[in-house]
């Protein structure tokens, strides 16, 4: 069992809610982050033009840092933080992670059109999990299938799965690698 999360963007409350939900629903699942753990405050256009201190480049919260006890893939936010600061604290992170029958990737490496729909490169695994756009969906062939939370299916053909975002939406994905069951999950909000 894998609990896949993405796009935390330094948000303590939403990340804590998701990790708590994972612990309740699938306490033995291996948690892996698909990137953008942090929020970068420097735009793409300005990153790398002038070096800024780390404290100006990203949101830092000691409570949030204590939650990060799982492997992660590098996202575009981490790449931009390194570029803006001239540091190399994130460059060592992998661009992809392979788990049974699946490749995990952030998704900023894809080509995205004006409607923020991706064009996927070829992968050798039947399943590809990604984040980046903050919009949970399944892509099979050339078809996008919007999904809500609490949607579950068994992947019987190759597909790309956008797991959504922790920030704002508190979304995550549970993947059973033995049965290829993929379940879209959402941690509850206090006021809902």
N, C-alpha and C. Protein backbone atom coordinates (compact mmCIF):
# COMPACT_ATOMS: atom_id res chain seq x y z
N UNK A 1 0.85 -1.18 0.00
CA UNK A 1 0.00 0.00 0.00
C UNK A 1 0.89 1.24 0.00
N UNK A 2 0.52 2.20 -0.84
CA UNK A 2 1.23 3.46 -0.93
C UNK A 2 0.24 4.60 -0.76
N UNK A 3 0.57 5.55 0.09
CA UNK A 3 -0.20 6.78 0.23
C UNK A 3 0.59 7.86 -0.50
N UNK A 4 0.04 8.34 -1.61
CA UNK A 4 0.74 9.29 -2.47
C UNK A 4 0.17 10.68 -2.26
N UNK A 5 1.06 11.63 -2.00
CA UNK A 5 0.65 13.02 -1.75
C UNK A 5 1.46 13.93 -2.66
N UNK A 6 0.94 15.12 -2.91
CA UNK A 6 1.66 16.07 -3.77
C UNK A 6 1.21 17.48 -3.47
N UNK A 7 2.06 18.43 -3.78
CA UNK A 7 1.72 19.86 -3.73
C UNK A 7 1.25 20.30 -2.34
N UNK A 8 2.18 20.18 -1.39
CA UNK A 8 1.93 20.60 -0.02
C UNK A 8 2.10 22.11 0.12
N UNK A 9 3.02 22.67 -0.61
CA UNK A 9 3.30 24.11 -0.64
C UNK A 9 3.43 24.72 0.75
N UNK A 10 4.16 24.03 1.63
CA UNK A 10 4.48 24.52 2.98
C UNK A 10 3.26 24.73 3.87
N UNK A 11 2.13 24.13 3.55
CA UNK A 11 0.91 24.35 4.32
C UNK A 11 0.81 23.34 5.46
N UNK A 12 1.04 23.82 6.66
CA UNK A 12 1.06 22.95 7.84
C UNK A 12 -0.30 22.31 8.12
N UNK A 13 -1.36 23.11 8.16
CA UNK A 13 -2.68 22.58 8.54
C UNK A 13 -3.17 21.52 7.57
N UNK A 14 -3.09 21.78 6.27
CA UNK A 14 -3.56 20.81 5.29
C UNK A 14 -2.70 19.55 5.29
N UNK A 15 -1.39 19.71 5.44
CA UNK A 15 -0.50 18.55 5.47
C UNK A 15 -0.76 17.70 6.70
N UNK A 16 -0.92 18.34 7.84
CA UNK A 16 -1.22 17.60 9.07
C UNK A 16 -2.53 16.84 8.93
N UNK A 17 -3.55 17.48 8.35
CA UNK A 17 -4.85 16.82 8.16
C UNK A 17 -4.72 15.59 7.26
N UNK A 18 -3.96 15.71 6.18
CA UNK A 18 -3.79 14.58 5.26
C UNK A 18 -3.01 13.45 5.93
N UNK A 19 -1.92 13.78 6.62
CA UNK A 19 -1.13 12.74 7.28
C UNK A 19 -1.94 12.05 8.37
N UNK A 20 -2.77 12.80 9.08
CA UNK A 20 -3.65 12.22 10.10
C UNK A 20 -4.66 11.28 9.44
N UNK A 21 -5.22 11.70 8.32
CA UNK A 21 -6.19 10.87 7.59
C UNK A 21 -5.53 9.59 7.08
N UNK A 22 -4.33 9.70 6.55
CA UNK A 22 -3.60 8.51 6.09
C UNK A 22 -3.40 7.55 7.25
N UNK A 23 -3.00 8.08 8.40
CA UNK A 23 -2.77 7.24 9.58
C UNK A 23 -4.05 6.53 10.02
N UNK A 24 -5.20 7.17 9.83
CA UNK A 24 -6.48 6.56 10.20
C UNK A 24 -6.92 5.51 9.19
N UNK A 25 -6.78 5.82 7.90
CA UNK A 25 -7.29 4.97 6.82
C UNK A 25 -6.33 3.84 6.44
N UNK A 26 -5.05 4.14 6.37
CA UNK A 26 -4.04 3.17 5.91
C UNK A 26 -2.75 3.34 6.69
N UNK A 27 -2.77 3.00 7.98
CA UNK A 27 -1.62 3.29 8.84
C UNK A 27 -0.32 2.59 8.43
N UNK A 28 -0.41 1.51 7.67
CA UNK A 28 0.80 0.80 7.26
C UNK A 28 1.27 1.18 5.85
N UNK A 29 0.57 2.10 5.21
CA UNK A 29 0.95 2.51 3.86
C UNK A 29 2.26 3.29 3.88
N UNK A 30 3.04 3.11 2.85
CA UNK A 30 4.27 3.88 2.66
C UNK A 30 3.89 5.22 2.04
N UNK A 31 4.24 6.30 2.70
CA UNK A 31 3.92 7.65 2.20
C UNK A 31 5.05 8.13 1.30
N UNK A 32 4.70 8.63 0.13
CA UNK A 32 5.68 9.22 -0.79
C UNK A 32 5.08 10.52 -1.32
N UNK A 33 5.89 11.58 -1.33
CA UNK A 33 5.46 12.88 -1.85
C UNK A 33 5.94 13.05 -3.29
N UNK A 34 5.05 13.53 -4.14
CA UNK A 34 5.36 13.72 -5.56
C UNK A 34 5.82 15.15 -5.85
N UNK A 35 6.39 15.82 -4.88
CA UNK A 35 7.00 17.13 -5.12
C UNK A 35 6.18 18.32 -4.68
N UNK A 36 6.81 19.47 -4.77
CA UNK A 36 6.26 20.75 -4.30
C UNK A 36 5.87 20.67 -2.84
N UNK A 37 6.80 20.18 -2.02
CA UNK A 37 6.60 20.21 -0.58
C UNK A 37 6.56 21.67 -0.10
N UNK A 38 7.40 22.48 -0.70
CA UNK A 38 7.58 23.86 -0.24
C UNK A 38 6.93 24.86 -1.18
N UNK A 39 6.73 26.05 -0.64
CA UNK A 39 6.21 27.18 -1.43
C UNK A 39 7.37 28.13 -1.71
N UNK A 40 7.62 28.39 -3.00
CA UNK A 40 8.66 29.33 -3.40
C UNK A 40 8.03 30.69 -3.64
N UNK A 41 8.68 31.75 -3.14
CA UNK A 41 8.15 33.12 -3.28
C UNK A 41 8.76 33.89 -4.44
N UNK A 42 9.65 33.24 -5.17
CA UNK A 42 10.33 33.90 -6.29
C UNK A 42 9.71 33.37 -7.59
N UNK A 43 9.33 34.27 -8.47
CA UNK A 43 8.69 33.87 -9.73
C UNK A 43 9.70 33.16 -10.64
N UNK A 44 9.17 32.41 -11.60
CA UNK A 44 10.04 31.74 -12.58
C UNK A 44 10.92 32.74 -13.30
N UNK A 45 10.32 33.89 -13.62
CA UNK A 45 11.03 34.93 -14.37
C UNK A 45 12.20 35.50 -13.58
N UNK A 46 12.05 35.64 -12.27
CA UNK A 46 13.10 36.27 -11.44
C UNK A 46 14.10 35.28 -10.86
N UNK A 47 13.73 34.00 -10.79
CA UNK A 47 14.63 33.00 -10.19
C UNK A 47 15.93 32.92 -10.97
N UNK A 48 17.03 32.97 -10.27
CA UNK A 48 18.34 32.85 -10.89
C UNK A 48 18.95 34.15 -11.35
N UNK A 49 18.17 35.23 -11.41
CA UNK A 49 18.73 36.52 -11.85
C UNK A 49 19.51 37.20 -10.73
N UNK A 50 19.04 37.04 -9.51
CA UNK A 50 19.70 37.61 -8.35
C UNK A 50 19.50 36.63 -7.20
N UNK A 51 20.59 36.27 -6.54
CA UNK A 51 20.50 35.32 -5.44
C UNK A 51 19.84 35.98 -4.22
N UNK A 52 18.91 35.26 -3.61
CA UNK A 52 18.22 35.75 -2.42
C UNK A 52 18.44 34.76 -1.29
N UNK A 53 18.33 35.22 -0.02
CA UNK A 53 18.47 34.29 1.09
C UNK A 53 17.31 33.29 1.10
N UNK A 54 17.57 32.14 1.66
CA UNK A 54 16.57 31.08 1.74
C UNK A 54 15.29 31.57 2.43
N UNK A 55 15.44 32.40 3.44
CA UNK A 55 14.28 32.91 4.19
C UNK A 55 13.35 33.76 3.31
N UNK A 56 13.88 34.36 2.25
CA UNK A 56 13.05 35.15 1.33
C UNK A 56 12.54 34.31 0.17
N UNK A 57 13.21 33.21 -0.10
CA UNK A 57 12.84 32.39 -1.25
C UNK A 57 11.69 31.43 -0.97
N UNK A 58 11.54 31.02 0.30
CA UNK A 58 10.54 30.00 0.60
C UNK A 58 9.88 30.22 1.95
N UNK A 59 8.73 29.60 2.10
CA UNK A 59 8.03 29.60 3.38
C UNK A 59 8.67 28.55 4.27
N UNK A 60 9.08 28.95 5.46
CA UNK A 60 9.65 28.01 6.42
C UNK A 60 8.78 28.02 7.67
N UNK A 61 8.42 26.84 8.13
CA UNK A 61 7.63 26.67 9.35
C UNK A 61 8.19 25.43 10.05
N UNK A 62 8.72 25.58 11.23
CA UNK A 62 9.33 24.46 11.96
C UNK A 62 8.32 23.35 12.21
N UNK A 63 7.07 23.69 12.44
CA UNK A 63 6.04 22.65 12.64
C UNK A 63 5.86 21.83 11.37
N UNK A 64 5.85 22.50 10.23
CA UNK A 64 5.72 21.83 8.93
C UNK A 64 6.92 20.91 8.70
N UNK A 65 8.12 21.40 8.99
CA UNK A 65 9.34 20.61 8.79
C UNK A 65 9.28 19.29 9.55
N UNK A 66 8.73 19.31 10.74
CA UNK A 66 8.66 18.09 11.56
C UNK A 66 7.73 17.04 10.94
N UNK A 67 6.83 17.44 10.06
CA UNK A 67 5.91 16.50 9.41
C UNK A 67 6.57 15.73 8.26
N UNK A 68 7.67 16.24 7.76
CA UNK A 68 8.27 15.71 6.53
C UNK A 68 9.18 14.51 6.79
N UNK A 69 8.56 13.39 7.12
CA UNK A 69 9.31 12.18 7.45
C UNK A 69 9.08 11.09 6.40
N UNK A 70 9.09 11.47 5.13
CA UNK A 70 8.81 10.55 4.05
C UNK A 70 9.63 10.97 2.83
N UNK A 71 9.88 10.03 1.91
CA UNK A 71 10.64 10.40 0.70
C UNK A 71 9.82 11.32 -0.21
N UNK A 72 10.54 12.12 -0.98
CA UNK A 72 9.88 13.02 -1.92
C UNK A 72 10.65 13.11 -3.23
N UNK A 73 9.92 13.47 -4.25
CA UNK A 73 10.47 13.76 -5.58
C UNK A 73 10.66 15.28 -5.65
N UNK A 74 11.59 15.73 -6.44
CA UNK A 74 11.76 17.17 -6.60
C UNK A 74 10.61 17.74 -7.46
N UNK A 75 10.08 18.86 -7.02
CA UNK A 75 9.05 19.56 -7.79
C UNK A 75 9.60 20.86 -8.32
N UNK A 76 8.79 21.56 -9.09
CA UNK A 76 9.24 22.83 -9.65
C UNK A 76 9.49 23.88 -8.57
N UNK A 77 8.77 23.82 -7.45
CA UNK A 77 9.00 24.77 -6.37
C UNK A 77 10.40 24.58 -5.77
N UNK A 78 10.80 23.33 -5.55
CA UNK A 78 12.13 23.06 -5.00
C UNK A 78 13.22 23.45 -6.00
N UNK A 79 12.99 23.17 -7.28
CA UNK A 79 13.98 23.57 -8.29
C UNK A 79 14.15 25.09 -8.28
N UNK A 80 13.05 25.81 -8.18
CA UNK A 80 13.11 27.27 -8.20
C UNK A 80 13.76 27.82 -6.94
N UNK A 81 13.54 27.19 -5.80
CA UNK A 81 14.19 27.64 -4.56
C UNK A 81 15.70 27.51 -4.70
N UNK A 82 16.17 26.38 -5.20
CA UNK A 82 17.61 26.20 -5.41
C UNK A 82 18.16 27.23 -6.39
N UNK A 83 17.44 27.48 -7.46
CA UNK A 83 17.88 28.46 -8.46
C UNK A 83 17.91 29.88 -7.88
N UNK A 84 16.91 30.23 -7.11
CA UNK A 84 16.82 31.58 -6.55
C UNK A 84 17.85 31.85 -5.46
N UNK A 85 18.23 30.80 -4.74
CA UNK A 85 19.16 30.98 -3.61
C UNK A 85 20.60 30.64 -3.97
N UNK A 86 20.80 29.93 -5.08
CA UNK A 86 22.14 29.48 -5.42
C UNK A 86 22.58 28.30 -4.58
N UNK A 87 21.67 27.75 -3.77
CA UNK A 87 21.98 26.60 -2.94
C UNK A 87 21.62 25.32 -3.68
N UNK A 88 22.00 24.21 -3.09
CA UNK A 88 21.72 22.92 -3.71
C UNK A 88 21.08 21.96 -2.71
N UNK A 89 20.19 22.47 -1.89
CA UNK A 89 19.61 21.60 -0.88
C UNK A 89 18.57 20.63 -1.43
N UNK A 90 18.01 20.89 -2.61
CA UNK A 90 16.99 20.01 -3.18
C UNK A 90 17.45 19.26 -4.42
N UNK A 91 18.55 19.65 -5.01
CA UNK A 91 18.99 19.09 -6.28
C UNK A 91 19.24 17.58 -6.21
N UNK A 92 19.51 17.08 -5.02
CA UNK A 92 19.77 15.64 -4.84
C UNK A 92 18.50 14.79 -4.90
N UNK A 93 17.33 15.44 -4.80
CA UNK A 93 16.07 14.68 -4.81
C UNK A 93 15.84 14.04 -6.18
N UNK A 94 15.26 12.84 -6.20
CA UNK A 94 15.02 12.20 -7.50
C UNK A 94 13.93 12.90 -8.30
N UNK A 95 13.99 12.76 -9.62
CA UNK A 95 12.96 13.30 -10.51
C UNK A 95 11.80 12.32 -10.65
N UNK A 96 12.09 11.05 -10.45
CA UNK A 96 11.05 10.01 -10.47
C UNK A 96 11.38 8.98 -9.40
N UNK A 97 10.37 8.25 -8.99
CA UNK A 97 10.53 7.08 -8.12
C UNK A 97 9.70 5.98 -8.75
N UNK A 98 10.27 4.78 -8.81
CA UNK A 98 9.53 3.62 -9.31
C UNK A 98 9.03 2.79 -8.13
N UNK A 99 7.78 2.41 -8.19
CA UNK A 99 7.19 1.46 -7.25
C UNK A 99 6.54 0.38 -8.13
N UNK A 100 6.06 -0.72 -7.57
CA UNK A 100 5.52 -1.78 -8.42
C UNK A 100 4.45 -1.29 -9.40
N UNK A 101 4.67 -1.54 -10.68
CA UNK A 101 3.77 -1.21 -11.79
C UNK A 101 3.57 0.29 -12.01
N UNK A 102 4.35 1.13 -11.37
CA UNK A 102 4.07 2.58 -11.46
C UNK A 102 5.35 3.41 -11.39
N UNK A 103 5.27 4.55 -12.06
CA UNK A 103 6.28 5.60 -11.97
C UNK A 103 5.64 6.79 -11.28
N UNK A 104 6.37 7.40 -10.35
CA UNK A 104 5.93 8.60 -9.66
C UNK A 104 6.77 9.76 -10.18
N UNK A 105 6.12 10.87 -10.52
CA UNK A 105 6.80 12.04 -11.07
C UNK A 105 6.00 13.27 -10.66
N UNK A 106 6.64 14.42 -10.55
CA UNK A 106 5.87 15.60 -10.16
C UNK A 106 4.89 16.03 -11.25
N UNK A 107 5.36 16.15 -12.47
CA UNK A 107 4.49 16.52 -13.58
C UNK A 107 4.87 17.83 -14.25
N UNK A 108 5.71 18.64 -13.62
CA UNK A 108 6.11 19.89 -14.28
C UNK A 108 7.01 19.61 -15.48
N UNK A 109 7.49 18.38 -15.59
CA UNK A 109 8.32 17.99 -16.73
C UNK A 109 7.50 17.76 -18.00
N UNK A 110 6.18 17.60 -17.86
CA UNK A 110 5.32 17.39 -19.03
C UNK A 110 5.13 18.71 -19.78
N UNK A 111 4.73 18.61 -21.03
CA UNK A 111 4.29 19.79 -21.77
C UNK A 111 2.83 20.03 -21.39
N UNK A 112 2.50 21.29 -21.06
CA UNK A 112 1.14 21.66 -20.65
C UNK A 112 0.59 22.67 -21.64
N UNK A 113 -0.63 22.46 -22.14
CA UNK A 113 -1.21 23.38 -23.11
C UNK A 113 -1.88 24.57 -22.41
N UNK A 114 -2.53 25.43 -23.19
CA UNK A 114 -3.14 26.65 -22.64
C UNK A 114 -4.31 26.35 -21.70
N UNK A 115 -4.85 25.13 -21.76
CA UNK A 115 -5.94 24.73 -20.85
C UNK A 115 -5.39 23.96 -19.65
N UNK A 116 -4.07 23.95 -19.51
CA UNK A 116 -3.35 23.26 -18.46
C UNK A 116 -3.64 21.76 -18.48
N UNK A 117 -3.66 21.21 -19.69
CA UNK A 117 -3.77 19.77 -19.90
C UNK A 117 -2.41 19.28 -20.38
N UNK A 118 -1.94 18.15 -19.83
CA UNK A 118 -0.60 17.68 -20.16
C UNK A 118 -0.53 16.82 -21.41
N UNK A 119 0.65 16.81 -22.02
CA UNK A 119 1.02 15.84 -23.03
C UNK A 119 2.05 14.94 -22.35
N UNK A 120 1.78 13.65 -22.35
CA UNK A 120 2.62 12.73 -21.59
C UNK A 120 3.72 12.12 -22.45
N UNK A 121 4.92 12.05 -21.90
CA UNK A 121 5.97 11.28 -22.56
C UNK A 121 5.70 9.79 -22.33
N UNK A 122 6.44 8.95 -23.00
CA UNK A 122 6.29 7.50 -22.82
C UNK A 122 6.98 7.06 -21.53
N UNK A 123 6.35 6.14 -20.84
CA UNK A 123 6.93 5.53 -19.64
C UNK A 123 6.90 4.02 -19.82
N UNK A 124 7.75 3.33 -19.09
CA UNK A 124 7.81 1.87 -19.20
C UNK A 124 6.87 1.17 -18.24
N UNK A 125 6.26 1.89 -17.31
CA UNK A 125 5.32 1.29 -16.37
C UNK A 125 3.89 1.55 -16.85
N UNK A 126 2.96 0.66 -16.52
CA UNK A 126 1.58 0.88 -16.96
C UNK A 126 0.89 2.05 -16.26
N UNK A 127 1.33 2.40 -15.06
CA UNK A 127 0.72 3.49 -14.31
C UNK A 127 1.74 4.59 -14.07
N UNK A 128 1.27 5.83 -14.16
CA UNK A 128 2.10 6.99 -13.84
C UNK A 128 1.26 7.88 -12.93
N UNK A 129 1.78 8.14 -11.73
CA UNK A 129 1.13 9.05 -10.79
C UNK A 129 1.87 10.38 -10.81
N UNK A 130 1.12 11.47 -10.83
CA UNK A 130 1.74 12.79 -10.86
C UNK A 130 0.85 13.80 -10.14
N UNK A 131 1.36 15.02 -9.99
CA UNK A 131 0.63 16.12 -9.36
C UNK A 131 0.76 17.36 -10.23
N UNK A 132 1.26 18.42 -9.68
CA UNK A 132 1.59 19.69 -10.33
C UNK A 132 0.40 20.60 -10.61
N UNK A 133 -0.66 20.11 -11.24
CA UNK A 133 -1.75 21.02 -11.65
C UNK A 133 -2.82 21.20 -10.57
N UNK A 134 -2.74 20.44 -9.49
CA UNK A 134 -3.71 20.53 -8.38
C UNK A 134 -5.11 20.07 -8.81
N UNK A 135 -5.21 19.28 -9.90
CA UNK A 135 -6.53 18.83 -10.39
C UNK A 135 -6.53 17.31 -10.50
N UNK A 136 -7.22 16.64 -9.61
CA UNK A 136 -7.24 15.18 -9.66
C UNK A 136 -8.02 14.71 -10.90
N UNK A 137 -7.45 13.69 -11.54
CA UNK A 137 -8.06 13.15 -12.76
C UNK A 137 -7.35 11.87 -13.16
N UNK A 138 -8.00 11.14 -14.04
CA UNK A 138 -7.40 9.96 -14.65
C UNK A 138 -7.33 10.23 -16.15
N UNK A 139 -6.21 9.89 -16.74
CA UNK A 139 -6.04 10.02 -18.19
C UNK A 139 -5.82 8.63 -18.76
N UNK A 140 -6.73 8.20 -19.63
CA UNK A 140 -6.60 6.93 -20.32
C UNK A 140 -6.69 7.22 -21.82
N UNK A 141 -5.65 6.81 -22.54
CA UNK A 141 -5.59 7.17 -23.95
C UNK A 141 -5.55 8.68 -24.06
N UNK A 142 -6.41 9.25 -24.86
CA UNK A 142 -6.48 10.71 -25.00
C UNK A 142 -7.63 11.30 -24.21
N UNK A 143 -8.19 10.54 -23.30
CA UNK A 143 -9.38 10.97 -22.57
C UNK A 143 -9.07 11.31 -21.12
N UNK A 144 -9.55 12.45 -20.69
CA UNK A 144 -9.43 12.87 -19.29
C UNK A 144 -10.73 12.52 -18.58
N UNK A 145 -10.61 11.88 -17.43
CA UNK A 145 -11.77 11.53 -16.62
C UNK A 145 -11.64 12.27 -15.30
N UNK A 146 -12.52 13.24 -15.08
CA UNK A 146 -12.51 13.96 -13.80
C UNK A 146 -13.04 13.03 -12.72
N UNK A 147 -12.41 13.07 -11.59
CA UNK A 147 -12.84 12.23 -10.48
C UNK A 147 -13.04 13.08 -9.24
N UNK A 148 -13.91 12.65 -8.41
CA UNK A 148 -14.08 13.30 -7.11
C UNK A 148 -13.36 12.48 -6.07
N UNK A 149 -13.44 12.93 -4.87
CA UNK A 149 -12.84 12.15 -3.79
C UNK A 149 -13.73 10.94 -3.53
N UNK A 150 -13.17 9.98 -2.88
CA UNK A 150 -13.84 8.71 -2.59
C UNK A 150 -14.16 7.95 -3.87
N UNK A 151 -13.39 8.19 -4.93
CA UNK A 151 -13.52 7.44 -6.18
C UNK A 151 -12.43 6.37 -6.18
N UNK A 152 -12.81 5.15 -6.50
CA UNK A 152 -11.86 4.05 -6.48
C UNK A 152 -12.06 3.19 -7.73
N UNK A 153 -10.97 2.69 -8.28
CA UNK A 153 -11.06 1.81 -9.44
C UNK A 153 -9.84 0.92 -9.50
N UNK A 154 -9.96 -0.17 -10.25
CA UNK A 154 -8.83 -1.05 -10.49
C UNK A 154 -8.31 -0.75 -11.89
N UNK A 155 -7.03 -0.40 -11.95
CA UNK A 155 -6.41 -0.04 -13.23
C UNK A 155 -6.17 -1.31 -14.03
N UNK A 156 -6.94 -1.49 -15.09
CA UNK A 156 -6.80 -2.68 -15.93
C UNK A 156 -6.09 -2.37 -17.24
N UNK A 157 -5.81 -1.09 -17.48
CA UNK A 157 -5.06 -0.67 -18.67
C UNK A 157 -4.15 0.49 -18.27
N UNK A 158 -3.15 0.78 -19.08
CA UNK A 158 -2.24 1.87 -18.73
C UNK A 158 -2.99 3.19 -18.54
N UNK A 159 -2.58 3.96 -17.55
CA UNK A 159 -3.19 5.27 -17.34
C UNK A 159 -2.27 6.18 -16.54
N UNK A 160 -2.57 7.45 -16.64
CA UNK A 160 -1.87 8.49 -15.90
C UNK A 160 -2.84 9.01 -14.85
N UNK A 161 -2.37 9.15 -13.62
CA UNK A 161 -3.25 9.51 -12.52
C UNK A 161 -2.73 10.79 -11.86
N UNK A 162 -3.50 11.86 -11.95
CA UNK A 162 -3.17 13.09 -11.24
C UNK A 162 -3.82 13.00 -9.87
N UNK A 163 -3.01 12.97 -8.84
CA UNK A 163 -3.52 12.70 -7.50
C UNK A 163 -4.10 13.92 -6.80
N UNK A 164 -4.03 15.09 -7.42
CA UNK A 164 -4.57 16.30 -6.80
C UNK A 164 -3.56 16.95 -5.87
N UNK A 165 -4.05 17.80 -4.98
CA UNK A 165 -3.16 18.60 -4.13
C UNK A 165 -3.53 18.51 -2.66
N UNK A 166 -2.51 18.50 -1.83
CA UNK A 166 -2.72 18.59 -0.38
C UNK A 166 -3.20 19.99 -0.02
N UNK A 167 -2.50 21.01 -0.53
CA UNK A 167 -2.87 22.39 -0.20
C UNK A 167 -4.28 22.69 -0.71
N UNK A 168 -5.06 23.30 0.11
CA UNK A 168 -6.44 23.71 -0.17
C UNK A 168 -7.42 22.55 -0.26
N UNK A 169 -7.08 21.48 -1.00
CA UNK A 169 -8.03 20.40 -1.26
C UNK A 169 -7.89 19.20 -0.33
N UNK A 170 -6.71 19.04 0.27
CA UNK A 170 -6.43 17.92 1.18
C UNK A 170 -6.62 16.56 0.50
N UNK A 171 -6.25 16.50 -0.77
CA UNK A 171 -6.39 15.27 -1.55
C UNK A 171 -5.14 14.42 -1.45
N UNK A 172 -5.33 13.12 -1.58
CA UNK A 172 -4.23 12.17 -1.66
C UNK A 172 -4.76 10.91 -2.33
N UNK A 173 -3.85 9.99 -2.67
CA UNK A 173 -4.23 8.78 -3.38
C UNK A 173 -3.68 7.57 -2.63
N UNK A 174 -4.51 6.55 -2.50
CA UNK A 174 -4.08 5.28 -1.92
C UNK A 174 -3.94 4.29 -3.07
N UNK A 175 -2.78 3.69 -3.18
CA UNK A 175 -2.49 2.75 -4.27
C UNK A 175 -2.11 1.41 -3.69
N UNK A 176 -2.87 0.38 -4.04
CA UNK A 176 -2.57 -0.99 -3.65
C UNK A 176 -1.85 -1.63 -4.83
N UNK A 177 -0.56 -1.83 -4.69
CA UNK A 177 0.23 -2.33 -5.81
C UNK A 177 -0.03 -3.79 -6.13
N UNK A 178 -0.63 -4.54 -5.22
CA UNK A 178 -0.94 -5.95 -5.49
C UNK A 178 -2.17 -6.11 -6.37
N UNK A 179 -3.17 -5.27 -6.15
CA UNK A 179 -4.42 -5.37 -6.93
C UNK A 179 -4.55 -4.28 -7.99
N UNK A 180 -3.65 -3.31 -7.97
CA UNK A 180 -3.70 -2.11 -8.83
C UNK A 180 -4.96 -1.28 -8.57
N UNK A 181 -5.47 -1.34 -7.34
CA UNK A 181 -6.60 -0.49 -6.95
C UNK A 181 -6.07 0.89 -6.57
N UNK A 182 -6.71 1.90 -7.15
CA UNK A 182 -6.36 3.29 -6.91
C UNK A 182 -7.58 3.97 -6.30
N UNK A 183 -7.38 4.58 -5.14
CA UNK A 183 -8.48 5.23 -4.44
C UNK A 183 -8.12 6.69 -4.20
N UNK A 184 -8.96 7.59 -4.71
CA UNK A 184 -8.80 9.01 -4.48
C UNK A 184 -9.40 9.33 -3.12
N UNK A 185 -8.63 10.00 -2.30
CA UNK A 185 -9.03 10.25 -0.92
C UNK A 185 -8.99 11.76 -0.64
N UNK A 186 -9.69 12.17 0.42
CA UNK A 186 -9.64 13.56 0.86
C UNK A 186 -9.78 13.61 2.38
N UNK A 187 -8.84 14.27 3.01
CA UNK A 187 -8.93 14.47 4.47
C UNK A 187 -10.03 15.49 4.74
N UNK A 188 -10.79 15.29 5.80
CA UNK A 188 -11.88 16.22 6.09
C UNK A 188 -11.37 17.60 6.51
N UNK A 189 -12.18 18.61 6.20
CA UNK A 189 -11.93 19.97 6.68
C UNK A 189 -12.75 20.14 7.94
N UNK A 190 -12.25 20.87 8.90
CA UNK A 190 -12.95 21.07 10.18
C UNK A 190 -14.32 21.72 9.99
N UNK A 191 -14.40 22.67 9.09
CA UNK A 191 -15.64 23.43 8.94
C UNK A 191 -16.60 22.81 7.93
N UNK A 192 -16.33 21.60 7.48
CA UNK A 192 -17.24 20.98 6.50
C UNK A 192 -17.87 19.75 7.07
